[in-house]
Amino acid sequence: MISNNWKEITLEDVVDVLGDGLHGTPKYDVHGEYYFINGNNLNGKIIVNDQTKKVGKDQYLKYKKDLNDRTILISINGTLGKIAVYNGEKVVLGKSACYFNVKENYNKEFIKYVMYSKKFKDYLNTHSTGTTIKNMGLKQMRAFKFHIPSLAEQNSIANILSTLDEKIELNNQINEKLEELAQYIFKRWFVEFEFPNEDGNPYKSSGGKFIESEIGLIPENWSISNLGEVISVQNGFAFKSKDFKEVGEIGVIKIKNISEGVVDVNNTQYIDLEVSIKTNEKFLIHGSDILIAMTGAEVGKIGIVPQTSKKLYLNQRVGKIIGKINGGKEFVFYYLSRNSVQEQIKSIAMGSAQPNISSTSIENIKSVVPTKSVLEKYGKLTSSIISNYASNLEQNNNLSSLRNNILPKLMNGEIPILEIEKEVEECLQKSN
């Protein structure tokens, strides 16, 4: 129920301008300074990568929009409702990116959270056109109605939600640094062969001995062997379709739950207690486990399981990497994450109508295999990185869950702000 002192307005009432991007194709320039973005580049902030096309300054000046520190972007074509706050990025908008500039007498962050609300998501779904590709018209965007409190209340609500998001973003930044560090260590030790000697000096540059191998020179006492020398791959359990429930407490991790190096433990299907009792405990999943997809278009994708109190099981066609010796799991995780190895996995998997790779095929992938002592040192170093990474993921899951729970209540004025502030403070203290 909406609080009585909140007034109903439309999105058009709170913005100075609301438009979309270029309905056409600009002249691309690989040396350009400006990214040509669409709705798929929006994810909290503007996301660009090596595949994002660029344009030169002439195209930017021709097609630029009035983007400033009051601008919010929303995807309105294809995948609807992806949101980003403009932060001065050098971009040209495509037609699937809608933008609007929030008036000065409204809290921009509050309006952003209105866009995250279920009410707005439902509005997009009911007012969009198209069957195969959904499209949201600008007229319908302007007509979206919602309730809004006083500016003081907007500020308080936005501050509560922003505090949670800032902590989530901080954890994401820490994890990015942890990932960079782990990749650097792997390259340093196993590509450049500058792992520490017994005396602590880097092996190659301090005169370490090398032997010939099928891939060239490798450190003395190392070998070219199968990954199965250091790990095994545990297949998942073949649950029956009738076993799955849409709600419950015991989750099942499927291929779709692995994305961008992380395992999603929240959006799962479930099994009941009776089914779990009959399932061997070897199929249980724990925090910091490493999982790999073994079937489908994204075969080979690999991810870390967040620390979690949830009981989770491994579904068929998802593999769990199990170290046979200390450091084996960590070594293989970062080895399999390399682009060249991902391409190798896809090549192996393409032998049938649907891409598929077996646990044996993964174990038979050739690699430089270091000595046991080097692996153990590497494991001690990187297991803590993975553990911290997984712990930060757990914190973010808890913070996101709290934010998603309180968002609709705050947006409706259902709960006193002081009560929510206390709950948020307690959650943040637990995450520190």
Protein backbone atom coordinates (compact mmCIF):
# COMPACT_ATOMS: atom_id res chain seq x y z
CA MET A 1 0.00 0.00 0.00
CA ILE A 2 1.35 3.40 -1.03
CA SER A 3 1.93 5.92 1.75
CA ASN A 4 -0.73 8.66 1.79
CA ASN A 5 1.75 11.53 1.52
CA TRP A 6 3.28 10.23 -1.71
CA LYS A 7 1.99 11.76 -4.96
CA GLU A 8 1.49 10.03 -8.30
CA ILE A 9 3.43 11.40 -11.27
CA THR A 10 4.69 10.21 -14.66
CA LEU A 11 8.26 9.73 -15.77
CA GLU A 12 7.79 12.68 -18.13
CA ASP A 13 7.14 14.89 -15.09
CA VAL A 14 10.58 14.28 -13.59
CA VAL A 15 12.79 14.57 -16.69
CA ASP A 16 14.02 17.45 -18.83
CA VAL A 17 14.48 15.27 -21.90
CA LEU A 18 13.75 11.65 -22.84
CA GLY A 19 14.98 10.19 -26.12
CA ASP A 20 16.83 7.35 -27.76
CA GLY A 21 19.91 6.88 -29.90
CA LEU A 22 20.73 6.68 -33.57
CA HIS A 23 18.24 4.76 -35.76
CA GLY A 24 20.87 3.62 -38.20
CA THR A 25 24.53 2.72 -38.48
CA PRO A 26 27.30 5.25 -37.98
CA LYS A 27 30.59 5.20 -39.83
CA TYR A 28 32.82 3.04 -37.67
CA ASP A 29 36.46 3.85 -36.99
CA VAL A 30 38.72 1.30 -35.29
CA HIS A 31 40.92 4.19 -34.16
CA GLY A 32 38.00 6.26 -32.88
CA GLU A 33 37.74 7.51 -29.31
CA TYR A 34 33.98 7.05 -28.94
CA TYR A 35 32.13 3.77 -28.37
CA PHE A 36 28.88 3.06 -30.20
CA ILE A 37 26.69 1.47 -27.54
CA ASN A 38 23.24 -0.08 -27.36
CA GLY A 39 21.04 -1.57 -24.67
CA ASN A 40 23.26 -4.62 -24.30
CA ASN A 41 26.07 -2.34 -23.06
CA LEU A 42 24.06 -1.32 -19.98
CA ASN A 43 24.59 -3.13 -16.70
CA GLY A 44 24.55 -0.69 -13.79
CA LYS A 45 27.16 1.23 -15.71
CA ILE A 46 28.16 1.41 -19.37
CA ILE A 47 30.08 -1.75 -20.28
CA VAL A 48 32.42 -1.84 -23.28
CA ASN A 49 34.92 -4.45 -24.43
CA ASP A 50 37.16 -5.30 -27.37
CA GLN A 51 34.11 -6.14 -29.52
CA THR A 52 32.40 -2.77 -28.95
CA LYS A 53 32.62 -0.76 -32.15
CA LYS A 54 34.06 2.77 -32.18
CA VAL A 55 33.45 5.97 -34.11
CA GLY A 56 35.48 9.11 -34.69
CA LYS A 57 34.86 12.60 -33.38
CA ASP A 58 32.99 13.65 -36.52
CA GLN A 59 30.38 10.91 -36.00
CA TYR A 60 30.19 11.73 -32.30
CA LEU A 61 29.47 15.41 -33.02
CA LYS A 62 26.89 14.41 -35.64
CA TYR A 63 24.94 12.02 -33.42
CA LYS A 64 25.72 13.10 -29.85
CA LYS A 65 22.94 13.43 -27.28
CA ASP A 66 22.66 15.65 -24.21
CA LEU A 67 24.20 13.22 -21.72
CA ASN A 68 25.29 14.66 -18.37
CA ASP A 69 25.56 13.91 -14.66
CA ARG A 70 21.74 13.69 -14.44
CA THR A 71 21.44 11.04 -17.17
CA ILE A 72 20.02 7.52 -16.75
CA LEU A 73 20.11 5.01 -19.60
CA ILE A 74 17.67 2.12 -20.14
CA SER A 75 17.53 -0.60 -22.81
CA ILE A 76 14.25 -0.43 -24.74
CA ASN A 77 14.81 -2.92 -27.55
CA GLY A 78 15.53 -6.65 -27.26
CA THR A 79 16.32 -7.22 -23.60
CA LEU A 80 14.23 -4.57 -21.86
CA GLY A 81 15.03 -2.69 -18.67
CA LYS A 82 18.82 -2.91 -18.41
CA ILE A 83 19.94 0.24 -16.61
CA ALA A 84 23.08 2.36 -16.40
CA VAL A 85 23.98 5.72 -14.91
CA TYR A 86 25.98 7.90 -17.28
CA ASN A 87 29.39 8.80 -15.87
CA GLY A 88 31.04 10.89 -18.56
CA GLU A 89 31.90 8.00 -20.90
CA LYS A 90 32.75 8.84 -24.52
CA VAL A 91 29.80 7.18 -26.26
CA VAL A 92 27.33 7.47 -29.09
CA LEU A 93 23.93 5.88 -28.43
CA GLY A 94 22.19 3.36 -30.66
CA LYS A 95 18.41 3.07 -30.94
CA SER A 96 18.02 0.38 -28.27
CA ALA A 97 19.39 2.74 -25.60
CA CYS A 98 16.91 5.23 -24.18
CA TYR A 99 18.23 8.14 -22.12
CA PHE A 100 16.60 10.71 -19.88
CA ASN A 101 17.91 13.55 -17.71
CA VAL A 102 16.37 13.84 -14.25
CA LYS A 103 15.31 17.34 -13.19
CA GLU A 104 17.32 19.02 -10.46
CA ASN A 105 14.43 19.01 -7.97
CA TYR A 106 14.28 15.20 -7.94
CA ASN A 107 16.85 12.75 -6.58
CA LYS A 108 18.43 11.04 -9.58
CA GLU A 109 19.36 7.94 -7.56
CA PHE A 110 15.79 7.57 -6.31
CA ILE A 111 14.49 7.69 -9.89
CA LYS A 112 17.08 5.08 -10.83
CA TYR A 113 15.73 2.74 -8.16
CA VAL A 114 12.20 3.34 -9.43
CA MET A 115 13.47 1.96 -12.74
CA TYR A 116 14.75 -1.12 -10.89
CA SER A 117 11.35 -1.71 -9.28
CA LYS A 118 9.05 -4.60 -10.13
CA LYS A 119 6.36 -2.10 -11.05
CA PHE A 120 8.50 -0.67 -13.84
CA LYS A 121 9.63 -4.12 -15.03
CA ASP A 122 5.98 -5.21 -15.22
CA TYR A 123 5.14 -2.01 -17.08
CA LEU A 124 7.83 -2.74 -19.68
CA ASN A 125 6.48 -6.24 -20.23
CA THR A 126 2.85 -5.16 -20.61
CA HIS A 127 3.43 -2.04 -22.74
CA SER A 128 6.18 -3.22 -25.10
CA THR A 129 5.45 -4.28 -28.67
CA GLY A 130 6.83 -7.07 -30.84
CA THR A 131 6.88 -10.83 -30.42
CA THR A 132 10.38 -12.02 -31.31
CA ILE A 133 12.13 -8.76 -30.42
CA LYS A 134 10.47 -6.62 -27.77
CA ASN A 135 10.43 -2.83 -28.15
CA MET A 136 9.40 -0.10 -25.74
CA GLY A 137 8.25 3.15 -27.31
CA LEU A 138 9.36 6.51 -25.98
CA LYS A 139 5.74 7.65 -25.62
CA GLN A 140 5.04 4.69 -23.35
CA MET A 141 8.22 5.39 -21.39
CA ARG A 142 7.12 8.96 -20.71
CA ALA A 143 3.66 7.78 -19.61
CA PHE A 144 4.92 5.42 -16.88
CA LYS A 145 3.20 6.36 -13.60
CA PHE A 146 4.66 5.93 -10.13
CA HIS A 147 4.41 7.43 -6.65
CA ILE A 148 7.06 9.67 -5.18
CA PRO A 149 7.67 11.14 -1.68
CA SER A 150 9.15 14.46 -0.67
CA LEU A 151 12.70 15.25 -1.76
CA ALA A 152 13.96 14.66 1.79
CA GLU A 153 12.48 11.15 1.77
CA GLN A 154 13.84 10.53 -1.72
CA ASN A 155 17.29 11.43 -0.46
CA SER A 156 17.01 9.10 2.55
CA ILE A 157 15.74 6.15 0.51
CA ALA A 158 18.34 6.65 -2.20
CA ASN A 159 21.08 6.85 0.42
CA ILE A 160 20.04 3.52 1.97
CA LEU A 161 19.97 1.68 -1.35
CA SER A 162 23.13 3.39 -2.63
CA THR A 163 25.02 2.33 0.50
CA LEU A 164 24.27 -1.31 -0.34
CA ASP A 165 25.18 -0.88 -3.99
CA GLU A 166 28.43 0.88 -3.12
CA LYS A 167 29.49 -2.05 -0.94
CA ILE A 168 28.56 -4.48 -3.72
CA GLU A 169 30.59 -2.44 -6.21
CA LEU A 170 33.55 -2.29 -3.81
CA ASN A 171 33.49 -6.09 -3.50
CA ASN A 172 33.33 -6.36 -7.29
CA GLN A 173 36.37 -4.12 -7.61
CA ILE A 174 38.25 -6.18 -5.02
CA ASN A 175 37.39 -9.36 -6.92
CA GLU A 176 38.59 -7.81 -10.18
CA LYS A 177 41.93 -7.10 -8.50
CA LEU A 178 42.07 -10.63 -7.06
CA GLU A 179 41.40 -12.05 -10.53
CA GLU A 180 44.10 -9.87 -12.07
CA LEU A 181 46.55 -10.97 -9.36
CA ALA A 182 45.75 -14.64 -9.85
CA GLN A 183 46.14 -14.39 -13.64
CA TYR A 184 49.42 -12.53 -13.20
CA ILE A 185 50.80 -15.20 -10.85
CA PHE A 186 49.75 -17.98 -13.23
CA LYS A 187 51.43 -16.29 -16.18
CA ARG A 188 54.53 -15.49 -14.15
CA TRP A 189 54.93 -19.05 -12.84
CA PHE A 190 53.69 -21.27 -15.65
CA VAL A 191 54.22 -19.26 -18.85
CA GLU A 192 57.30 -17.18 -18.05
CA PHE A 193 58.69 -19.82 -15.62
CA GLU A 194 59.57 -17.22 -13.01
CA PHE A 195 58.21 -19.20 -10.06
CA PRO A 196 60.31 -18.86 -6.87
CA ASN A 197 63.35 -21.10 -6.40
CA GLU A 198 64.09 -22.76 -3.08
CA ASP A 199 66.04 -19.62 -2.24
CA GLY A 200 63.08 -17.45 -3.22
CA ASN A 201 64.60 -16.04 -6.41
CA PRO A 202 62.72 -16.24 -9.75
CA TYR A 203 63.60 -19.50 -11.50
CA LYS A 204 64.33 -18.44 -15.09
CA SER A 205 66.12 -15.15 -14.49
CA SER A 206 68.29 -16.65 -11.74
CA GLY A 207 69.71 -19.35 -14.00
CA GLY A 208 67.27 -22.25 -13.55
CA LYS A 209 67.86 -25.31 -15.72
CA PHE A 210 65.57 -26.24 -18.64
CA ILE A 211 64.89 -29.39 -20.65
CA GLU A 212 63.52 -29.93 -24.16
CA SER A 213 59.84 -30.85 -24.53
CA GLU A 214 57.31 -31.08 -27.34
CA ILE A 215 56.38 -27.43 -26.75
CA GLY A 216 59.96 -26.20 -26.30
CA LEU A 217 62.06 -25.61 -23.22
CA ILE A 218 60.42 -26.22 -19.84
CA PRO A 219 61.92 -26.20 -16.32
CA GLU A 220 63.93 -29.21 -15.27
CA ASN A 221 61.83 -31.96 -13.64
CA TRP A 222 58.62 -30.57 -15.13
CA SER A 223 56.72 -32.60 -17.72
CA ILE A 224 54.16 -32.38 -20.50
CA SER A 225 51.30 -34.54 -19.30
CA ASN A 226 47.52 -34.86 -18.94
CA LEU A 227 45.60 -32.68 -16.53
CA GLY A 228 44.41 -35.95 -15.04
CA GLU A 229 47.80 -36.19 -13.35
CA VAL A 230 46.77 -33.45 -10.94
CA ILE A 231 42.92 -33.36 -11.00
CA SER A 232 39.86 -35.44 -11.67
CA VAL A 233 36.50 -34.24 -12.96
CA GLN A 234 33.41 -35.28 -11.00
CA ASN A 235 30.31 -35.57 -13.20
CA GLY A 236 26.97 -34.34 -11.88
CA PHE A 237 23.99 -36.45 -10.92
CA ALA A 238 21.28 -37.30 -13.46
CA PHE A 239 18.24 -35.96 -11.67
CA LYS A 240 14.88 -36.73 -13.26
CA SER A 241 12.80 -33.87 -14.62
CA LYS A 242 10.03 -34.73 -12.16
CA ASP A 243 12.49 -34.15 -9.29
CA PHE A 244 12.77 -30.42 -9.92
CA LYS A 245 10.75 -27.79 -8.08
CA GLU A 246 10.61 -24.03 -8.65
CA VAL A 247 10.86 -23.24 -4.94
CA GLY A 248 12.62 -24.94 -2.07
CA GLU A 249 15.74 -24.94 0.08
CA ILE A 250 17.94 -27.56 -1.63
CA GLY A 251 19.28 -26.18 -4.92
CA VAL A 252 20.63 -27.86 -8.05
CA ILE A 253 23.38 -26.19 -10.08
CA LYS A 254 22.95 -26.47 -13.85
CA ILE A 255 24.99 -25.19 -16.78
CA LYS A 256 22.90 -21.99 -16.95
CA ASN A 257 24.12 -21.12 -13.45
CA ILE A 258 27.72 -20.70 -14.63
CA SER A 259 28.42 -17.26 -16.08
CA GLU A 260 31.46 -15.00 -16.34
CA GLY A 261 33.60 -17.04 -13.96
CA VAL A 262 30.95 -17.20 -11.22
CA VAL A 263 28.35 -19.79 -10.21
CA ASP A 264 24.91 -18.33 -9.50
CA VAL A 265 23.63 -20.12 -6.38
CA ASN A 266 20.46 -18.03 -6.08
CA ASN A 267 18.52 -18.62 -9.29
CA THR A 268 18.37 -22.40 -9.21
CA GLN A 269 15.76 -25.09 -9.43
CA TYR A 270 15.25 -27.20 -6.34
CA ILE A 271 14.74 -30.75 -5.12
CA ASP A 272 12.95 -31.86 -1.99
CA LEU A 273 14.50 -33.52 1.03
CA GLU A 274 13.41 -37.02 -0.03
CA VAL A 275 15.29 -36.77 -3.33
CA SER A 276 18.40 -35.30 -1.67
CA ILE A 277 18.54 -38.17 0.85
CA LYS A 278 18.78 -40.61 -2.05
CA THR A 279 21.56 -38.62 -3.75
CA ASN A 280 25.19 -39.49 -3.02
CA GLU A 281 27.02 -36.82 -1.03
CA LYS A 282 29.81 -36.76 -3.62
CA PHE A 283 27.45 -34.62 -5.71
CA LEU A 284 27.27 -31.89 -3.05
CA ILE A 285 28.75 -28.49 -3.91
CA HIS A 286 30.56 -26.22 -1.45
CA GLY A 287 31.94 -22.69 -1.46
CA SER A 288 35.16 -22.22 -3.50
CA ASP A 289 34.42 -25.32 -5.61
CA ILE A 290 35.32 -24.99 -9.30
CA LEU A 291 32.67 -26.05 -11.84
CA ILE A 292 32.83 -26.48 -15.62
CA ALA A 293 30.07 -26.70 -18.24
CA MET A 294 30.34 -29.89 -20.31
CA THR A 295 27.52 -29.52 -22.86
CA GLY A 296 25.97 -26.88 -25.08
CA ALA A 297 26.97 -23.67 -26.78
CA GLU A 298 28.95 -22.50 -23.76
CA VAL A 299 30.80 -25.75 -23.18
CA GLY A 300 33.99 -25.19 -21.19
CA LYS A 301 32.82 -22.12 -19.28
CA ILE A 302 34.11 -22.33 -15.76
CA GLY A 303 33.16 -20.68 -12.48
CA ILE A 304 33.81 -20.33 -8.75
CA VAL A 305 31.06 -21.25 -6.28
CA PRO A 306 30.43 -18.46 -3.73
CA GLN A 307 30.69 -19.26 -0.05
CA THR A 308 27.14 -20.19 0.93
CA SER A 309 25.08 -21.82 3.64
CA LYS A 310 22.74 -23.30 1.03
CA LYS A 311 22.71 -27.02 0.34
CA LEU A 312 23.52 -27.46 -3.35
CA TYR A 313 23.87 -30.44 -5.66
CA LEU A 314 25.65 -30.87 -8.97
CA ASN A 315 23.45 -31.61 -11.99
CA GLN A 316 24.48 -33.81 -14.90
CA ARG A 317 26.67 -32.25 -17.62
CA VAL A 318 28.27 -29.96 -15.06
CA GLY A 319 31.68 -31.09 -13.81
CA LYS A 320 33.46 -30.35 -10.54
CA ILE A 321 37.25 -30.01 -10.59
CA ILE A 322 38.78 -32.07 -7.78
CA GLY A 323 42.48 -31.75 -6.95
CA LYS A 324 44.45 -34.97 -6.65
CA ILE A 325 47.37 -33.12 -5.10
CA ASN A 326 47.61 -29.80 -3.28
CA GLY A 327 47.45 -26.94 -5.76
CA GLY A 328 46.08 -29.10 -8.57
CA LYS A 329 42.57 -27.64 -8.51
CA GLU A 330 43.81 -24.05 -8.46
CA PHE A 331 46.36 -24.69 -11.26
CA VAL A 332 43.77 -26.31 -13.53
CA PHE A 333 41.17 -23.62 -12.85
CA TYR A 334 43.41 -20.85 -14.14
CA TYR A 335 44.78 -23.06 -16.90
CA LEU A 336 41.28 -23.86 -18.20
CA SER A 337 40.38 -20.15 -17.98
CA ARG A 338 42.95 -19.25 -20.62
CA ASN A 339 41.50 -18.29 -24.02
CA SER A 340 43.68 -20.77 -25.93
CA VAL A 341 42.53 -23.65 -23.71
CA GLN A 342 38.89 -22.57 -23.97
CA GLU A 343 39.23 -22.76 -27.75
CA GLN A 344 40.79 -26.21 -27.41
CA ILE A 345 37.85 -27.41 -25.30
CA LYS A 346 35.37 -26.11 -27.87
CA SER A 347 37.30 -27.87 -30.63
CA ILE A 348 37.20 -31.17 -28.75
CA ALA A 349 33.48 -30.73 -27.99
CA MET A 350 32.40 -30.03 -31.59
CA GLY A 351 32.48 -33.70 -32.61
CA SER A 352 28.70 -34.13 -32.25
CA ALA A 353 25.48 -32.30 -33.11
CA GLN A 354 25.49 -30.67 -29.70
CA PRO A 355 28.87 -29.59 -28.30
CA ASN A 356 29.83 -32.06 -25.60
CA ILE A 357 32.95 -32.92 -23.66
CA SER A 358 33.46 -35.79 -21.23
CA SER A 359 35.26 -35.74 -17.91
CA THR A 360 37.87 -38.06 -19.44
CA SER A 361 38.45 -35.64 -22.33
CA ILE A 362 39.05 -32.80 -19.89
CA GLU A 363 41.44 -34.94 -17.86
CA ASN A 364 43.29 -35.88 -21.08
CA ILE A 365 44.01 -32.25 -22.07
CA LYS A 366 47.76 -31.79 -22.30
CA SER A 367 49.55 -29.21 -20.21
CA VAL A 368 52.87 -28.30 -18.73
CA VAL A 369 52.77 -30.01 -15.33
CA PRO A 370 55.05 -28.56 -12.64
CA THR A 371 56.66 -30.48 -9.83
CA LYS A 372 54.65 -31.34 -6.74
CA SER A 373 56.53 -28.82 -4.61
CA VAL A 374 55.83 -25.97 -7.04
CA LEU A 375 52.14 -26.93 -7.23
CA GLU A 376 51.87 -26.97 -3.45
CA LYS A 377 53.41 -23.50 -3.19
CA TYR A 378 51.06 -22.26 -5.90
CA GLY A 379 48.07 -23.83 -4.15
CA LYS A 380 48.85 -22.12 -0.85
CA LEU A 381 49.12 -18.79 -2.64
CA THR A 382 46.03 -19.00 -4.87
CA SER A 383 43.65 -20.98 -2.65
CA SER A 384 43.43 -17.93 -0.40
CA ILE A 385 42.71 -15.76 -3.45
CA ILE A 386 39.85 -18.06 -4.49
CA SER A 387 38.56 -18.24 -0.92
CA ASN A 388 38.50 -14.43 -0.58
CA TYR A 389 36.88 -14.15 -4.01
CA ALA A 390 34.17 -16.63 -3.00
CA SER A 391 33.64 -14.84 0.32
CA ASN A 392 33.10 -11.52 -1.46
CA LEU A 393 30.59 -13.22 -3.75
CA GLU A 394 28.69 -14.44 -0.70
CA GLN A 395 28.65 -10.94 0.77
CA ASN A 396 27.28 -9.57 -2.50
CA ASN A 397 24.59 -12.24 -2.62
CA ASN A 398 23.49 -11.30 0.90
CA LEU A 399 23.59 -7.57 0.17
CA SER A 400 21.71 -8.01 -3.12
CA SER A 401 19.09 -10.14 -1.40
CA LEU A 402 18.54 -7.47 1.25
CA ARG A 403 18.37 -4.72 -1.37
CA ASN A 404 15.86 -6.66 -3.47
CA ASN A 405 13.73 -7.35 -0.40
CA ILE A 406 13.58 -3.77 0.82
CA LEU A 407 13.40 -2.08 -2.60
CA PRO A 408 9.63 -2.55 -3.16
CA LYS A 409 8.87 -1.65 0.46
CA LEU A 410 10.93 1.53 0.29
CA MET A 411 9.45 2.44 -3.09
CA ASN A 412 5.96 2.21 -1.57
CA GLY A 413 6.77 3.87 1.74
CA GLU A 414 5.61 0.71 3.56
CA ILE A 415 8.41 0.56 6.15
CA PRO A 416 9.79 3.35 8.34
CA ILE A 417 13.16 4.49 7.02
CA LEU A 418 14.80 4.25 10.47
CA GLU A 419 13.84 0.58 10.67
CA ILE A 420 15.40 -0.14 7.27
CA GLU A 421 18.54 1.86 8.11
CA LYS A 422 19.11 -0.35 11.17
CA GLU A 423 18.71 -3.54 9.13
CA VAL A 424 21.12 -2.28 6.46
CA GLU A 425 23.69 -1.25 9.07
CA GLU A 426 23.59 -4.72 10.65
CA CYS A 427 24.03 -6.38 7.26
CA LEU A 428 26.99 -4.16 6.40
CA GLN A 429 28.65 -4.85 9.75
CA LYS A 430 28.43 -8.60 9.08
CA SER A 431 30.04 -8.12 5.67
CA ASN A 432 33.07 -6.22 7.04
